[in-house]
Amino acid sequence: MTSLHTKLEGFHTQISKDDVVTKAAKQPQAGDYQQLVHELDEEEYQYIWLMVMEIRNAYAVLYDIILKNFEKLKKPHGETKGMIY
């Protein structure tokens, strides 16, 4: 997954979307620029989708850890003993 992230970042830095959109607006008859804008949008969508999936997985792991240790969180070990001071 990291290699895909690196590829997407490399592609994103090579061609800036604003340059392509400007050229597509100036030359609407050239379908290549419009196709490139569409491809750049698809790449950006895939990048955002990967980030959302990584965040979802991190929260799923956190939820699992909290759920498994819920009793320990409600009643820590130190709470059952009386106060020393």
N, C-alpha and C. Protein backbone atom coordinates (compact mmCIF):
# COMPACT_ATOMS: atom_id res chain seq x y z
N MET A 1 0.83 -1.18 0.00
CA MET A 1 0.00 0.00 0.00
C MET A 1 0.87 1.25 0.00
N THR A 2 2.03 1.18 0.65
CA THR A 2 2.92 2.33 0.67
C THR A 2 3.46 2.64 -0.72
N SER A 3 3.73 1.60 -1.49
CA SER A 3 4.24 1.84 -2.84
C SER A 3 3.19 2.55 -3.70
N LEU A 4 1.93 2.18 -3.53
CA LEU A 4 0.87 2.85 -4.26
C LEU A 4 0.78 4.31 -3.85
N HIS A 5 0.92 4.56 -2.56
CA HIS A 5 0.90 5.94 -2.04
C HIS A 5 2.03 6.74 -2.66
N THR A 6 3.22 6.15 -2.75
CA THR A 6 4.38 6.82 -3.34
C THR A 6 4.15 7.10 -4.83
N LYS A 7 3.58 6.12 -5.53
CA LYS A 7 3.30 6.32 -6.95
C LYS A 7 2.31 7.46 -7.16
N LEU A 8 1.28 7.48 -6.34
CA LEU A 8 0.28 8.55 -6.47
C LEU A 8 0.87 9.91 -6.18
N GLU A 9 1.72 9.99 -5.16
CA GLU A 9 2.36 11.28 -4.85
C GLU A 9 3.28 11.71 -5.98
N GLY A 10 4.04 10.76 -6.55
CA GLY A 10 4.93 11.09 -7.65
C GLY A 10 4.18 11.58 -8.86
N PHE A 11 3.08 10.94 -9.18
CA PHE A 11 2.27 11.36 -10.32
C PHE A 11 1.65 12.72 -10.06
N HIS A 12 1.22 12.94 -8.85
CA HIS A 12 0.56 14.20 -8.50
C HIS A 12 1.54 15.37 -8.62
N THR A 13 2.79 15.16 -8.28
CA THR A 13 3.76 16.26 -8.34
C THR A 13 4.23 16.51 -9.76
N GLN A 14 4.16 15.51 -10.64
CA GLN A 14 4.63 15.71 -12.01
C GLN A 14 3.70 16.63 -12.80
N ILE A 15 2.42 16.42 -12.66
CA ILE A 15 1.45 17.19 -13.44
C ILE A 15 0.49 17.87 -12.47
N SER A 16 0.49 19.19 -12.48
CA SER A 16 -0.43 19.88 -11.59
C SER A 16 -1.78 20.01 -12.28
N LYS A 17 -2.81 19.80 -11.50
CA LYS A 17 -4.16 19.80 -12.06
C LYS A 17 -4.57 21.17 -12.58
N ASP A 18 -4.15 22.21 -11.90
CA ASP A 18 -4.57 23.54 -12.35
C ASP A 18 -4.03 23.89 -13.73
N ASP A 19 -2.82 23.42 -14.04
CA ASP A 19 -2.28 23.65 -15.39
C ASP A 19 -3.12 22.94 -16.45
N VAL A 20 -3.49 21.71 -16.14
CA VAL A 20 -4.27 20.93 -17.10
C VAL A 20 -5.67 21.52 -17.27
N VAL A 21 -6.28 21.95 -16.17
CA VAL A 21 -7.62 22.55 -16.25
C VAL A 21 -7.56 23.84 -17.06
N THR A 22 -6.52 24.63 -16.87
CA THR A 22 -6.36 25.87 -17.64
C THR A 22 -6.24 25.56 -19.12
N LYS A 23 -5.43 24.57 -19.46
CA LYS A 23 -5.27 24.21 -20.87
C LYS A 23 -6.56 23.65 -21.45
N ALA A 24 -7.29 22.87 -20.64
CA ALA A 24 -8.56 22.31 -21.11
C ALA A 24 -9.59 23.42 -21.34
N ALA A 25 -9.55 24.46 -20.52
CA ALA A 25 -10.49 25.58 -20.69
C ALA A 25 -10.13 26.40 -21.93
N LYS A 26 -8.83 26.55 -22.18
CA LYS A 26 -8.40 27.34 -23.34
C LYS A 26 -8.63 26.59 -24.64
N GLN A 27 -8.52 25.26 -24.59
CA GLN A 27 -8.66 24.45 -25.80
C GLN A 27 -9.72 23.37 -25.58
N PRO A 28 -10.99 23.75 -25.57
CA PRO A 28 -12.05 22.77 -25.29
C PRO A 28 -12.18 21.69 -26.36
N GLN A 29 -11.68 21.96 -27.57
CA GLN A 29 -11.76 20.96 -28.63
C GLN A 29 -10.78 19.81 -28.41
N ALA A 30 -9.75 20.03 -27.59
CA ALA A 30 -8.77 18.99 -27.32
C ALA A 30 -9.28 18.11 -26.18
N GLY A 31 -9.72 16.93 -26.54
CA GLY A 31 -10.27 16.00 -25.55
C GLY A 31 -9.22 15.39 -24.65
N ASP A 32 -7.95 15.48 -25.07
CA ASP A 32 -6.88 14.90 -24.27
C ASP A 32 -6.76 15.58 -22.91
N TYR A 33 -6.91 16.89 -22.89
CA TYR A 33 -6.81 17.61 -21.62
C TYR A 33 -7.97 17.25 -20.70
N GLN A 34 -9.16 17.13 -21.28
CA GLN A 34 -10.32 16.76 -20.47
C GLN A 34 -10.15 15.34 -19.92
N GLN A 35 -9.61 14.46 -20.72
CA GLN A 35 -9.35 13.09 -20.27
C GLN A 35 -8.31 13.09 -19.15
N LEU A 36 -7.29 13.92 -19.28
CA LEU A 36 -6.26 14.00 -18.26
C LEU A 36 -6.82 14.55 -16.95
N VAL A 37 -7.71 15.54 -17.04
CA VAL A 37 -8.36 16.07 -15.84
C VAL A 37 -9.16 14.95 -15.16
N HIS A 38 -9.87 14.17 -15.95
CA HIS A 38 -10.64 13.06 -15.40
C HIS A 38 -9.72 12.04 -14.73
N GLU A 39 -8.60 11.72 -15.36
CA GLU A 39 -7.65 10.76 -14.78
C GLU A 39 -7.04 11.30 -13.49
N LEU A 40 -6.73 12.59 -13.46
CA LEU A 40 -6.19 13.18 -12.24
C LEU A 40 -7.23 13.14 -11.11
N ASP A 41 -8.49 13.38 -11.45
CA ASP A 41 -9.55 13.29 -10.45
C ASP A 41 -9.68 11.86 -9.92
N GLU A 42 -9.57 10.89 -10.81
CA GLU A 42 -9.64 9.49 -10.38
C GLU A 42 -8.48 9.14 -9.45
N GLU A 43 -7.29 9.60 -9.78
CA GLU A 43 -6.13 9.34 -8.93
C GLU A 43 -6.31 9.97 -7.55
N GLU A 44 -6.82 11.18 -7.52
CA GLU A 44 -7.06 11.86 -6.24
C GLU A 44 -8.13 11.13 -5.43
N TYR A 45 -9.17 10.66 -6.10
CA TYR A 45 -10.22 9.90 -5.43
C TYR A 45 -9.64 8.63 -4.81
N GLN A 46 -8.79 7.92 -5.54
CA GLN A 46 -8.18 6.70 -5.02
C GLN A 46 -7.30 7.00 -3.81
N TYR A 47 -6.57 8.09 -3.88
CA TYR A 47 -5.71 8.49 -2.77
C TYR A 47 -6.55 8.78 -1.52
N ILE A 48 -7.61 9.54 -1.69
CA ILE A 48 -8.49 9.87 -0.56
C ILE A 48 -9.16 8.61 -0.02
N TRP A 49 -9.57 7.72 -0.91
CA TRP A 49 -10.21 6.48 -0.49
C TRP A 49 -9.25 5.64 0.35
N LEU A 50 -7.99 5.56 -0.06
CA LEU A 50 -6.99 4.82 0.72
C LEU A 50 -6.80 5.43 2.10
N MET A 51 -6.76 6.74 2.18
CA MET A 51 -6.60 7.40 3.48
C MET A 51 -7.81 7.14 4.39
N VAL A 52 -9.00 7.17 3.82
CA VAL A 52 -10.21 6.89 4.61
C VAL A 52 -10.18 5.45 5.11
N MET A 53 -9.75 4.51 4.28
CA MET A 53 -9.67 3.11 4.70
C MET A 53 -8.63 2.92 5.81
N GLU A 54 -7.51 3.63 5.73
CA GLU A 54 -6.51 3.54 6.78
C GLU A 54 -7.04 4.09 8.10
N ILE A 55 -7.77 5.20 8.04
CA ILE A 55 -8.38 5.77 9.24
C ILE A 55 -9.41 4.81 9.81
N ARG A 56 -10.23 4.23 8.94
CA ARG A 56 -11.24 3.27 9.39
C ARG A 56 -10.59 2.08 10.09
N ASN A 57 -9.51 1.55 9.52
CA ASN A 57 -8.83 0.42 10.12
C ASN A 57 -8.23 0.78 11.47
N ALA A 58 -7.68 1.96 11.59
CA ALA A 58 -7.10 2.39 12.87
C ALA A 58 -8.19 2.49 13.93
N TYR A 59 -9.34 3.05 13.58
CA TYR A 59 -10.44 3.14 14.54
C TYR A 59 -11.01 1.76 14.88
N ALA A 60 -11.01 0.84 13.93
CA ALA A 60 -11.50 -0.51 14.21
C ALA A 60 -10.58 -1.21 15.21
N VAL A 61 -9.28 -1.04 15.06
CA VAL A 61 -8.33 -1.62 16.00
C VAL A 61 -8.50 -0.99 17.38
N LEU A 62 -8.64 0.32 17.43
CA LEU A 62 -8.84 1.01 18.70
C LEU A 62 -10.13 0.55 19.37
N TYR A 63 -11.20 0.43 18.62
CA TYR A 63 -12.47 -0.03 19.17
C TYR A 63 -12.33 -1.45 19.72
N ASP A 64 -11.64 -2.32 19.00
CA ASP A 64 -11.43 -3.69 19.45
C ASP A 64 -10.65 -3.74 20.76
N ILE A 65 -9.61 -2.93 20.86
CA ILE A 65 -8.81 -2.90 22.09
C ILE A 65 -9.65 -2.39 23.26
N ILE A 66 -10.41 -1.34 23.04
CA ILE A 66 -11.25 -0.80 24.11
C ILE A 66 -12.32 -1.80 24.52
N LEU A 67 -12.93 -2.46 23.55
CA LEU A 67 -13.98 -3.43 23.85
C LEU A 67 -13.44 -4.61 24.65
N LYS A 68 -12.26 -5.09 24.30
CA LYS A 68 -11.66 -6.22 25.01
C LYS A 68 -11.23 -5.85 26.42
N ASN A 69 -10.90 -4.61 26.66
CA ASN A 69 -10.41 -4.18 27.97
C ASN A 69 -11.41 -3.28 28.69
N PHE A 70 -12.68 -3.38 28.34
CA PHE A 70 -13.67 -2.48 28.91
C PHE A 70 -13.81 -2.65 30.42
N GLU A 71 -13.79 -3.89 30.89
CA GLU A 71 -13.91 -4.13 32.34
C GLU A 71 -12.71 -3.55 33.08
N LYS A 72 -11.54 -3.67 32.52
CA LYS A 72 -10.34 -3.11 33.15
C LYS A 72 -10.40 -1.59 33.17
N LEU A 73 -11.01 -1.01 32.17
CA LEU A 73 -11.15 0.44 32.14
C LEU A 73 -12.17 0.92 33.16
N LYS A 74 -13.25 0.15 33.35
CA LYS A 74 -14.26 0.53 34.32
C LYS A 74 -13.76 0.36 35.75
N LYS A 75 -13.03 -0.73 36.02
CA LYS A 75 -12.54 -1.01 37.36
C LYS A 75 -11.04 -1.29 37.30
N PRO A 76 -10.23 -0.27 37.40
CA PRO A 76 -8.78 -0.49 37.41
C PRO A 76 -8.36 -1.27 38.65
N HIS A 77 -7.21 -1.90 38.62
CA HIS A 77 -6.72 -2.72 39.74
C HIS A 77 -6.57 -1.91 41.02
N GLY A 78 -6.12 -0.70 40.95
CA GLY A 78 -5.87 0.11 42.13
C GLY A 78 -7.13 0.54 42.85
N GLU A 79 -8.27 0.45 42.21
CA GLU A 79 -9.51 0.93 42.81
C GLU A 79 -10.06 -0.02 43.86
N THR A 80 -9.75 -1.31 43.80
CA THR A 80 -10.30 -2.27 44.75
C THR A 80 -9.63 -2.18 46.11
N LYS A 81 -8.40 -1.72 46.18
CA LYS A 81 -7.68 -1.59 47.45
C LYS A 81 -8.10 -0.31 48.16
N GLY A 82 -8.02 -0.34 49.47
CA GLY A 82 -8.36 0.85 50.24
C GLY A 82 -7.30 1.92 50.11
N MET A 83 -7.65 3.09 50.48
CA MET A 83 -6.71 4.21 50.42
C MET A 83 -5.64 4.03 51.49
N ILE A 84 -4.40 4.27 51.15
CA ILE A 84 -3.30 4.12 52.10
C ILE A 84 -3.22 5.33 53.01
N TYR A 85 -3.45 6.50 52.50
CA TYR A 85 -3.31 7.71 53.31
C TYR A 85 -4.63 8.25 53.74
